[in-house]
Amino acid sequence: MAQTVTEVLTAATDSVTLIDAVNGGSYYVTGMTQAEINDMVQRNVDHLEIILAYTDPDVAGDSSDKSSYTTAITTGKAYIAAN
């Protein structure tokens, strides 16, 4: 059975949570180098960008509020640039 837009976005929320936690300093990164942390954040940014471009289901064309996802992308990119 195909996923709905809501199901896809709900699954993508994990990436938002991770990016926000790393940026806020509450994500456990002991033992990771800054390069490894940046790679992890980048993978989650990439994941969100891919999800938001989906056309089956039509996430890209859906009118759902996607601001938390786009904000997390911006936050993740800014975090990587600063670190």
Protein backbone atom coordinates (compact mmCIF):
# COMPACT_ATOMS: atom_id res chain seq x y z
CA MET A 1 0.00 0.00 0.00
CA ALA A 2 1.31 3.44 -0.93
CA GLN A 3 2.17 5.96 1.74
CA THR A 4 0.16 9.12 2.18
CA VAL A 5 1.67 12.59 2.30
CA THR A 6 0.98 12.69 6.03
CA GLU A 7 2.82 9.40 6.60
CA VAL A 8 5.82 10.57 4.58
CA LEU A 9 6.02 13.88 6.44
CA THR A 10 5.59 12.17 9.81
CA ALA A 11 8.56 9.92 9.02
CA ALA A 12 10.61 12.95 7.95
CA THR A 13 10.03 14.56 11.34
CA ASP A 14 12.88 12.43 12.74
CA SER A 15 15.30 14.40 10.57
CA VAL A 16 13.85 17.69 11.82
CA THR A 17 14.24 16.51 15.41
CA LEU A 18 17.85 15.43 14.88
CA ILE A 19 18.88 18.67 13.15
CA ASP A 20 17.24 20.78 15.85
CA ALA A 21 18.84 18.71 18.63
CA VAL A 22 22.33 18.91 17.14
CA ASN A 23 21.96 22.64 16.57
CA GLY A 24 20.63 23.15 20.09
CA GLY A 25 23.42 21.13 21.66
CA SER A 26 21.14 18.48 23.13
CA TYR A 27 22.06 15.64 20.75
CA TYR A 28 24.60 13.17 22.14
CA VAL A 29 27.66 13.52 19.89
CA THR A 30 30.43 12.49 22.28
CA GLY A 31 33.08 10.55 20.40
CA MET A 32 32.10 12.04 17.04
CA THR A 33 34.36 14.43 15.19
CA GLN A 34 32.91 17.68 13.92
CA ALA A 35 33.25 16.31 10.39
CA GLU A 36 31.17 13.27 11.37
CA ILE A 37 28.53 15.47 12.99
CA ASN A 38 28.40 17.68 9.91
CA ASP A 39 28.05 14.60 7.67
CA MET A 40 25.17 13.36 9.81
CA VAL A 41 23.43 16.73 9.64
CA GLN A 42 24.01 16.90 5.87
CA ARG A 43 22.46 13.46 5.35
CA ASN A 44 19.37 14.61 7.21
CA VAL A 45 19.21 17.88 5.25
CA ASP A 46 19.49 15.87 2.02
CA HIS A 47 16.75 13.52 3.23
CA LEU A 48 14.39 16.41 3.91
CA GLU A 49 15.09 18.01 0.54
CA ILE A 50 14.34 14.72 -1.21
CA ILE A 51 11.14 14.20 0.79
CA LEU A 52 9.86 17.70 0.03
CA ALA A 53 10.39 17.07 -3.69
CA TYR A 54 8.40 13.80 -3.74
CA THR A 55 5.66 13.62 -6.33
CA ASP A 56 4.37 10.14 -5.41
CA PRO A 57 2.82 10.79 -3.03
CA ASP A 58 2.65 14.42 -4.03
CA VAL A 59 4.43 15.99 -1.07
CA ALA A 60 5.74 18.80 -3.28
CA GLY A 61 2.26 19.83 -4.40
CA ASP A 62 0.46 19.21 -1.13
CA SER A 63 -0.76 22.25 0.79
CA SER A 64 0.31 20.90 4.20
CA ASP A 65 2.38 23.19 6.41
CA LYS A 66 5.97 22.23 5.67
CA SER A 67 7.60 25.11 7.51
CA SER A 68 9.21 22.89 10.17
CA TYR A 69 10.93 20.91 7.41
CA THR A 70 12.13 23.94 5.45
CA THR A 71 13.29 25.60 8.68
CA ALA A 72 15.24 22.46 9.62
CA ILE A 73 16.92 22.48 6.20
CA THR A 74 17.96 26.10 6.70
CA THR A 75 19.10 25.39 10.26
CA GLY A 76 21.11 22.35 9.17
CA LYS A 77 22.86 24.23 6.39
CA ALA A 78 23.67 27.11 8.74
CA TYR A 79 25.00 24.68 11.37
CA ILE A 80 27.32 23.03 8.83
CA ALA A 81 28.53 26.40 7.55
CA ALA A 82 29.33 27.54 11.09
CA ASN A 83 31.07 24.33 12.08
